[in-house]
């Protein structure tokens, strides 16, 4: 599954909201040396209830608009 997100770094709060088809992810970290990307993955994983290792940024590494892939659990669903 792929999710379109819009990142808002250097926010006062950390939260995930949904606006139409896009998730808006606000993180406190600045967009320096991948810090905001790591914070986005951590916060989004917590919001979705999945391990961080199942999330992967597939496009938009240096942009505010990103596409995140949520990989299936190993062993599949039962």
PDB file of N, CA and C in Angstrom:
ATOM      1  N   UNK A   1       0.848  -1.167   0.000  1.00  0.00           N
ATOM      2  CA  UNK A   1       0.000   0.000   0.000  1.00  0.00           C
ATOM      3  C   UNK A   1       0.897   1.236   0.000  1.00  0.00           C
ATOM      4  N   UNK A   2       0.507   2.246  -0.770  1.00  0.00           N
ATOM      5  CA  UNK A   2       1.269   3.499  -0.811  1.00  0.00           C
ATOM      6  C   UNK A   2       0.396   4.640  -0.307  1.00  0.00           C
ATOM      7  N   UNK A   3       1.029   5.548   0.424  1.00  0.00           N
ATOM      8  CA  UNK A   3       0.331   6.679   1.030  1.00  0.00           C
ATOM      9  C   UNK A   3       1.007   7.969   0.589  1.00  0.00           C
ATOM     10  N   UNK A   4       0.212   8.929   0.132  1.00  0.00           N
ATOM     11  CA  UNK A   4       0.735  10.261  -0.202  1.00  0.00           C
ATOM     12  C   UNK A   4       0.720  11.102   1.066  1.00  0.00           C
ATOM     13  N   UNK A   5       1.850  11.754   1.358  1.00  0.00           N
ATOM     14  CA  UNK A   5       1.919  12.612   2.540  1.00  0.00           C
ATOM     15  C   UNK A   5       2.512  13.962   2.173  1.00  0.00           C
ATOM     16  N   UNK A   6       2.221  14.933   3.009  1.00  0.00           N
ATOM     17  CA  UNK A   6       2.821  16.264   2.928  1.00  0.00           C
ATOM     18  C   UNK A   6       3.459  16.509   4.286  1.00  0.00           C
ATOM     19  N   UNK A   7       4.751  16.790   4.284  1.00  0.00           N
ATOM     20  CA  UNK A   7       5.505  16.974   5.532  1.00  0.00           C
ATOM     21  C   UNK A   7       5.589  18.448   5.869  1.00  0.00           C
ATOM     22  N   UNK A   8       5.383  18.744   7.129  1.00  0.00           N
ATOM     23  CA  UNK A   8       5.561  20.105   7.637  1.00  0.00           C
ATOM     24  C   UNK A   8       6.602  20.035   8.748  1.00  0.00           C
ATOM     25  N   UNK A   9       7.886  20.218   8.388  1.00  0.00           N
ATOM     26  CA  UNK A   9       8.949  20.158   9.397  1.00  0.00           C
ATOM     27  C   UNK A   9       8.951  21.418  10.265  1.00  0.00           C
ATOM     28  N   UNK A  10       9.679  21.335  11.353  1.00  0.00           N
ATOM     29  CA  UNK A  10       9.809  22.454  12.306  1.00  0.00           C
ATOM     30  C   UNK A  10       8.456  22.925  12.834  1.00  0.00           C
ATOM     31  N   UNK A  11       7.543  21.979  13.044  1.00  0.00           N
ATOM     32  CA  UNK A  11       6.230  22.319  13.601  1.00  0.00           C
ATOM     33  C   UNK A  11       6.312  22.373  15.118  1.00  0.00           C
ATOM     34  N   UNK A  12       5.358  23.044  15.700  1.00  0.00           N
ATOM     35  CA  UNK A  12       5.310  23.108  17.165  1.00  0.00           C
ATOM     36  C   UNK A  12       4.857  21.778  17.760  1.00  0.00           C
ATOM     37  N   UNK A  13       3.991  21.075  17.039  1.00  0.00           N
ATOM     38  CA  UNK A  13       3.483  19.794  17.525  1.00  0.00           C
ATOM     39  C   UNK A  13       3.813  18.700  16.523  1.00  0.00           C
ATOM     40  N   UNK A  14       3.746  17.469  16.991  1.00  0.00           N
ATOM     41  CA  UNK A  14       3.916  16.329  16.106  1.00  0.00           C
ATOM     42  C   UNK A  14       2.569  15.642  16.003  1.00  0.00           C
ATOM     43  N   UNK A  15       2.049  15.578  14.770  1.00  0.00           N
ATOM     44  CA  UNK A  15       0.743  14.960  14.582  1.00  0.00           C
ATOM     45  C   UNK A  15       0.561  14.530  13.134  1.00  0.00           C
ATOM     46  N   UNK A  16      -0.394  13.628  12.949  1.00  0.00           N
ATOM     47  CA  UNK A  16      -0.773  13.163  11.617  1.00  0.00           C
ATOM     48  C   UNK A  16      -2.244  13.485  11.436  1.00  0.00           C
ATOM     49  N   UNK A  17      -2.561  14.221  10.365  1.00  0.00           N
ATOM     50  CA  UNK A  17      -3.948  14.530  10.042  1.00  0.00           C
ATOM     51  C   UNK A  17      -4.185  14.145   8.589  1.00  0.00           C
ATOM     52  N   UNK A  18      -5.442  14.110   8.195  1.00  0.00           N
ATOM     53  CA  UNK A  18      -5.751  13.749   6.816  1.00  0.00           C
ATOM     54  C   UNK A  18      -6.527  14.878   6.165  1.00  0.00           C
ATOM     55  N   UNK A  19      -6.054  15.303   5.000  1.00  0.00           N
ATOM     56  CA  UNK A  19      -6.726  16.329   4.203  1.00  0.00           C
ATOM     57  C   UNK A  19      -6.973  15.739   2.827  1.00  0.00           C
ATOM     58  N   UNK A  20      -8.205  15.474   2.501  1.00  0.00           N
ATOM     59  CA  UNK A  20      -8.643  14.800   1.273  1.00  0.00           C
ATOM     60  C   UNK A  20      -7.892  13.483   1.110  1.00  0.00           C
ATOM     61  N   UNK A  21      -7.074  13.317   0.073  1.00  0.00           N
ATOM     62  CA  UNK A  21      -6.375  12.050  -0.176  1.00  0.00           C
ATOM     63  C   UNK A  21      -4.970  12.015   0.414  1.00  0.00           C
ATOM     64  N   UNK A  22      -4.562  13.075   1.088  1.00  0.00           N
ATOM     65  CA  UNK A  22      -3.180  13.203   1.560  1.00  0.00           C
ATOM     66  C   UNK A  22      -3.126  13.300   3.077  1.00  0.00           C
ATOM     67  N   UNK A  23      -2.167  12.595   3.661  1.00  0.00           N
ATOM     68  CA  UNK A  23      -1.892  12.750   5.084  1.00  0.00           C
ATOM     69  C   UNK A  23      -0.945  13.926   5.249  1.00  0.00           C
ATOM     70  N   UNK A  24      -1.182  14.742   6.255  1.00  0.00           N
ATOM     71  CA  UNK A  24      -0.274  15.838   6.601  1.00  0.00           C
ATOM     72  C   UNK A  24       0.438  15.410   7.878  1.00  0.00           C
ATOM     73  N   UNK A  25       1.763  15.344   7.794  1.00  0.00           N
ATOM     74  CA  UNK A  25       2.571  14.889   8.924  1.00  0.00           C
ATOM     75  C   UNK A  25       3.396  16.066   9.415  1.00  0.00           C
ATOM     76  N   UNK A  26       3.121  16.486  10.638  1.00  0.00           N
ATOM     77  CA  UNK A  26       3.864  17.590  11.242  1.00  0.00           C
ATOM     78  C   UNK A  26       4.873  17.022  12.225  1.00  0.00           C
ATOM     79  N   UNK A  27       6.138  17.402  12.030  1.00  0.00           N
ATOM     80  CA  UNK A  27       7.208  16.944  12.913  1.00  0.00           C
ATOM     81  C   UNK A  27       8.017  18.146  13.391  1.00  0.00           C
ATOM     82  N   UNK A  28       8.641  18.000  14.540  1.00  0.00           N
ATOM     83  CA  UNK A  28       9.435  19.080  15.114  1.00  0.00           C
ATOM     84  C   UNK A  28      10.823  19.180  14.493  1.00  0.00           C
ATOM     85  N   UNK A  29      11.311  18.101  13.936  1.00  0.00           N
ATOM     86  CA  UNK A  29      12.664  18.058  13.387  1.00  0.00           C
ATOM     87  C   UNK A  29      12.803  18.931  12.144  1.00  0.00           C
ATOM     88  N   UNK A  30      13.985  19.523  11.944  1.00  0.00           N
ATOM     89  CA  UNK A  30      14.231  20.302  10.719  1.00  0.00           C
ATOM     90  C   UNK A  30      14.578  19.372   9.556  1.00  0.00           C
ATOM     91  N   UNK A  31      14.414  19.841   8.332  1.00  0.00           N
ATOM     92  CA  UNK A  31      14.737  19.014   7.170  1.00  0.00           C
ATOM     93  C   UNK A  31      16.233  19.041   6.857  1.00  0.00           C
ATOM     94  N   UNK A  32      17.023  18.607   7.816  1.00  0.00           N
ATOM     95  CA  UNK A  32      18.481  18.625   7.697  1.00  0.00           C
ATOM     96  C   UNK A  32      19.005  17.212   7.928  1.00  0.00           C
ATOM     97  N   UNK A  33      19.843  16.732   7.005  1.00  0.00           N
ATOM     98  CA  UNK A  33      20.507  15.433   7.133  1.00  0.00           C
ATOM     99  C   UNK A  33      19.536  14.284   7.388  1.00  0.00           C
ATOM    100  N   UNK A  34      18.323  14.368   6.822  1.00  0.00           N
ATOM    101  CA  UNK A  34      17.356  13.285   6.938  1.00  0.00           C
ATOM    102  C   UNK A  34      16.632  13.198   8.264  1.00  0.00           C
ATOM    103  N   UNK A  35      16.840  14.191   9.128  1.00  0.00           N
ATOM    104  CA  UNK A  35      16.214  14.135  10.453  1.00  0.00           C
ATOM    105  C   UNK A  35      14.698  14.177  10.365  1.00  0.00           C
ATOM    106  N   UNK A  36      14.155  15.036   9.496  1.00  0.00           N
ATOM    107  CA  UNK A  36      12.701  15.120   9.357  1.00  0.00           C
ATOM    108  C   UNK A  36      12.156  13.820   8.761  1.00  0.00           C
ATOM    109  N   UNK A  37      12.844  13.235   7.805  1.00  0.00           N
ATOM    110  CA  UNK A  37      12.390  11.971   7.212  1.00  0.00           C
ATOM    111  C   UNK A  37      12.305  10.867   8.262  1.00  0.00           C
ATOM    112  N   UNK A  38      13.314  10.769   9.107  1.00  0.00           N
ATOM    113  CA  UNK A  38      13.292   9.752  10.161  1.00  0.00           C
ATOM    114  C   UNK A  38      12.145  10.003  11.128  1.00  0.00           C
ATOM    115  N   UNK A  39      11.907  11.268  11.467  1.00  0.00           N
ATOM    116  CA  UNK A  39      10.811  11.602  12.368  1.00  0.00           C
ATOM    117  C   UNK A  39       9.457  11.281  11.733  1.00  0.00           C
ATOM    118  N   UNK A  40       9.337  11.508  10.429  1.00  0.00           N
ATOM    119  CA  UNK A  40       8.097  11.197   9.713  1.00  0.00           C
ATOM    120  C   UNK A  40       7.809   9.705   9.767  1.00  0.00           C
ATOM    121  N   UNK A  41       8.813   8.895   9.470  1.00  0.00           N
ATOM    122  CA  UNK A  41       8.630   7.440   9.484  1.00  0.00           C
ATOM    123  C   UNK A  41       8.232   6.974  10.880  1.00  0.00           C
ATOM    124  N   UNK A  42       8.892   7.489  11.896  1.00  0.00           N
ATOM    125  CA  UNK A  42       8.597   7.096  13.276  1.00  0.00           C
ATOM    126  C   UNK A  42       7.166   7.476  13.668  1.00  0.00           C
ATOM    127  N   UNK A  43       6.770   8.706  13.378  1.00  0.00           N
ATOM    128  CA  UNK A  43       5.438   9.178  13.751  1.00  0.00           C
ATOM    129  C   UNK A  43       4.355   8.466  12.952  1.00  0.00           C
ATOM    130  N   UNK A  44       4.559   8.284  11.667  1.00  0.00           N
ATOM    131  CA  UNK A  44       3.570   7.623  10.824  1.00  0.00           C
ATOM    132  C   UNK A  44       3.413   6.152  11.219  1.00  0.00           C
ATOM    133  N   UNK A  45       4.506   5.495  11.565  1.00  0.00           N
ATOM    134  CA  UNK A  45       4.436   4.102  12.016  1.00  0.00           C
ATOM    135  C   UNK A  45       3.602   4.003  13.289  1.00  0.00           C
ATOM    136  N   UNK A  46       3.819   4.919  14.206  1.00  0.00           N
ATOM    137  CA  UNK A  46       3.050   4.928  15.445  1.00  0.00           C
ATOM    138  C   UNK A  46       1.569   5.176  15.145  1.00  0.00           C
ATOM    139  N   UNK A  47       1.291   6.111  14.244  1.00  0.00           N
ATOM    140  CA  UNK A  47      -0.093   6.442  13.877  1.00  0.00           C
ATOM    141  C   UNK A  47      -0.803   5.250  13.222  1.00  0.00           C
ATOM    142  N   UNK A  48      -0.089   4.533  12.361  1.00  0.00           N
ATOM    143  CA  UNK A  48      -0.686   3.399  11.647  1.00  0.00           C
ATOM    144  C   UNK A  48      -0.644   2.096  12.448  1.00  0.00           C
ATOM    145  N   UNK A  49       0.125   2.079  13.525  1.00  0.00           N
ATOM    146  CA  UNK A  49       0.227   0.882  14.353  1.00  0.00           C
ATOM    147  C   UNK A  49       1.050  -0.226  13.717  1.00  0.00           C
ATOM    148  N   UNK A  50       2.091   0.159  12.986  1.00  0.00           N
ATOM    149  CA  UNK A  50       2.977  -0.820  12.348  1.00  0.00           C
ATOM    150  C   UNK A  50       4.415  -0.531  12.764  1.00  0.00           C
ATOM    151  N   UNK A  51       5.299  -1.519  12.676  1.00  0.00           N
ATOM    152  CA  UNK A  51       6.710  -1.262  12.981  1.00  0.00           C
ATOM    153  C   UNK A  51       7.330  -0.308  11.955  1.00  0.00           C
ATOM    154  N   UNK A  52       8.285   0.485  12.391  1.00  0.00           N
ATOM    155  CA  UNK A  52       8.960   1.439  11.504  1.00  0.00           C
ATOM    156  C   UNK A  52       9.599   0.751  10.306  1.00  0.00           C
ATOM    157  N   UNK A  53      10.072  -0.472  10.491  1.00  0.00           N
ATOM    158  CA  UNK A  53      10.728  -1.213   9.427  1.00  0.00           C
ATOM    159  C   UNK A  53       9.818  -1.554   8.256  1.00  0.00           C
ATOM    160  N   UNK A  54       8.503  -1.429   8.447  1.00  0.00           N
ATOM    161  CA  UNK A  54       7.561  -1.721   7.365  1.00  0.00           C
ATOM    162  C   UNK A  54       7.248  -0.501   6.522  1.00  0.00           C
ATOM    163  N   UNK A  55       7.786   0.667   6.890  1.00  0.00           N
ATOM    164  CA  UNK A  55       7.555   1.894   6.131  1.00  0.00           C
ATOM    165  C   UNK A  55       8.814   2.260   5.352  1.00  0.00           C
ATOM    166  N   UNK A  56       8.601   2.755   4.134  1.00  0.00           N
ATOM    167  CA  UNK A  56       9.731   3.126   3.283  1.00  0.00           C
ATOM    168  C   UNK A  56       9.323   4.315   2.425  1.00  0.00           C
ATOM    169  N   UNK A  57      10.171   5.324   2.389  1.00  0.00           N
ATOM    170  CA  UNK A  57       9.929   6.475   1.517  1.00  0.00           C
ATOM    171  C   UNK A  57      10.330   6.052   0.109  1.00  0.00           C
ATOM    172  N   UNK A  58       9.366   6.092  -0.830  1.00  0.00           N
ATOM    173  CA  UNK A  58       9.676   5.660  -2.200  1.00  0.00           C
ATOM    174  C   UNK A  58       9.876   6.835  -3.144  1.00  0.00           C
ATOM    175  N   UNK A  59       9.380   8.014  -2.789  1.00  0.00           N
ATOM    176  CA  UNK A  59       9.679   9.206  -3.587  1.00  0.00           C
ATOM    177  C   UNK A  59       9.528  10.447  -2.729  1.00  0.00           C
ATOM    178  N   UNK A  60      10.284  11.481  -3.103  1.00  0.00           N
ATOM    179  CA  UNK A  60      10.222  12.747  -2.382  1.00  0.00           C
ATOM    180  C   UNK A  60      11.167  12.849  -1.207  1.00  0.00           C
ATOM    181  N   UNK A  61      12.334  12.211  -1.302  1.00  0.00           N
ATOM    182  CA  UNK A  61      13.278  12.228  -0.183  1.00  0.00           C
ATOM    183  C   UNK A  61      13.640  13.638   0.260  1.00  0.00           C
ATOM    184  N   UNK A  62      13.773  14.578  -0.688  1.00  0.00           N
ATOM    185  CA  UNK A  62      14.156  15.942  -0.342  1.00  0.00           C
ATOM    186  C   UNK A  62      13.009  16.922  -0.543  1.00  0.00           C
ATOM    187  N   UNK A  63      11.802  16.422  -0.738  1.00  0.00           N
ATOM    188  CA  UNK A  63      10.635  17.285  -0.958  1.00  0.00           C
ATOM    189  C   UNK A  63       9.662  17.162   0.212  1.00  0.00           C
ATOM    190  N   UNK A  64       8.758  18.109   0.294  1.00  0.00           N
ATOM    191  CA  UNK A  64       7.726  18.034   1.332  1.00  0.00           C
ATOM    192  C   UNK A  64       6.638  17.035   0.976  1.00  0.00           C
ATOM    193  N   UNK A  65       6.385  16.867  -0.326  1.00  0.00           N
ATOM    194  CA  UNK A  65       5.420  15.863  -0.769  1.00  0.00           C
ATOM    195  C   UNK A  65       6.161  14.556  -0.975  1.00  0.00           C
ATOM    196  N   UNK A  66       5.709  13.510  -0.297  1.00  0.00           N
ATOM    197  CA  UNK A  66       6.377  12.220  -0.346  1.00  0.00           C
ATOM    198  C   UNK A  66       5.360  11.112  -0.589  1.00  0.00           C
ATOM    199  N   UNK A  67       5.862   9.980  -1.026  1.00  0.00           N
ATOM    200  CA  UNK A  67       5.053   8.769  -1.115  1.00  0.00           C
ATOM    201  C   UNK A  67       5.715   7.748  -0.208  1.00  0.00           C
ATOM    202  N   UNK A  68       4.925   7.204   0.706  1.00  0.00           N
ATOM    203  CA  UNK A  68       5.404   6.215   1.662  1.00  0.00           C
ATOM    204  C   UNK A  68       4.780   4.874   1.317  1.00  0.00           C
ATOM    205  N   UNK A  69       5.608   3.845   1.283  1.00  0.00           N
ATOM    206  CA  UNK A  69       5.097   2.496   1.051  1.00  0.00           C
ATOM    207  C   UNK A  69       5.029   1.765   2.382  1.00  0.00           C
ATOM    208  N   UNK A  70       3.874   1.160   2.635  1.00  0.00           N
ATOM    209  CA  UNK A  70       3.697   0.318   3.822  1.00  0.00           C
ATOM    210  C   UNK A  70       3.812  -1.116   3.332  1.00  0.00           C
ATOM    211  N   UNK A  71       4.887  -1.771   3.700  1.00  0.00           N
ATOM    212  CA  UNK A  71       5.150  -3.127   3.236  1.00  0.00           C
ATOM    213  C   UNK A  71       4.362  -4.129   4.084  1.00  0.00           C
ATOM    214  N   UNK A  72       3.927  -5.230   3.466  1.00  0.00           N
ATOM    215  CA  UNK A  72       3.160  -6.232   4.225  1.00  0.00           C
ATOM    216  C   UNK A  72       4.024  -6.915   5.277  1.00  0.00           C
ATOM    217  N   UNK A  73       3.370  -7.427   6.294  1.00  0.00           N
ATOM    218  CA  UNK A  73       4.079  -8.142   7.351  1.00  0.00           C
ATOM    219  C   UNK A  73       4.654  -9.420   6.783  1.00  0.00           C
ATOM    220  N   UNK A  74       5.809  -9.804   7.291  1.00  0.00           N
ATOM    221  CA  UNK A  74       6.411 -11.060   6.851  1.00  0.00           C
ATOM    222  C   UNK A  74       5.525 -12.210   7.297  1.00  0.00           C
ATOM    223  N   UNK A  75       5.340 -13.174   6.428  1.00  0.00           N
ATOM    224  CA  UNK A  75       4.498 -14.312   6.766  1.00  0.00           C
ATOM    225  C   UNK A  75       3.064 -14.102   6.334  1.00  0.00           C
ATOM    226  N   UNK A  76       2.729 -12.879   5.931  1.00  0.00           N
ATOM    227  CA  UNK A  76       1.383 -12.597   5.428  1.00  0.00           C
ATOM    228  C   UNK A  76       0.340 -12.519   6.516  1.00  0.00           C
ATOM    229  N   UNK A  77      -0.842 -12.188   6.130  1.00  0.00           N
ATOM    230  CA  UNK A  77      -1.966 -12.094   7.048  1.00  0.00           C
ATOM    231  C   UNK A  77      -2.528 -13.488   7.291  1.00  0.00           C
ATOM    232  N   UNK A  78      -3.038 -13.687   8.478  1.00  0.00           N
ATOM    233  CA  UNK A  78      -3.645 -14.990   8.797  1.00  0.00           C
ATOM    234  C   UNK A  78      -5.074 -14.819   9.175  1.00  0.00           C
TER     235      UNK A  78
END
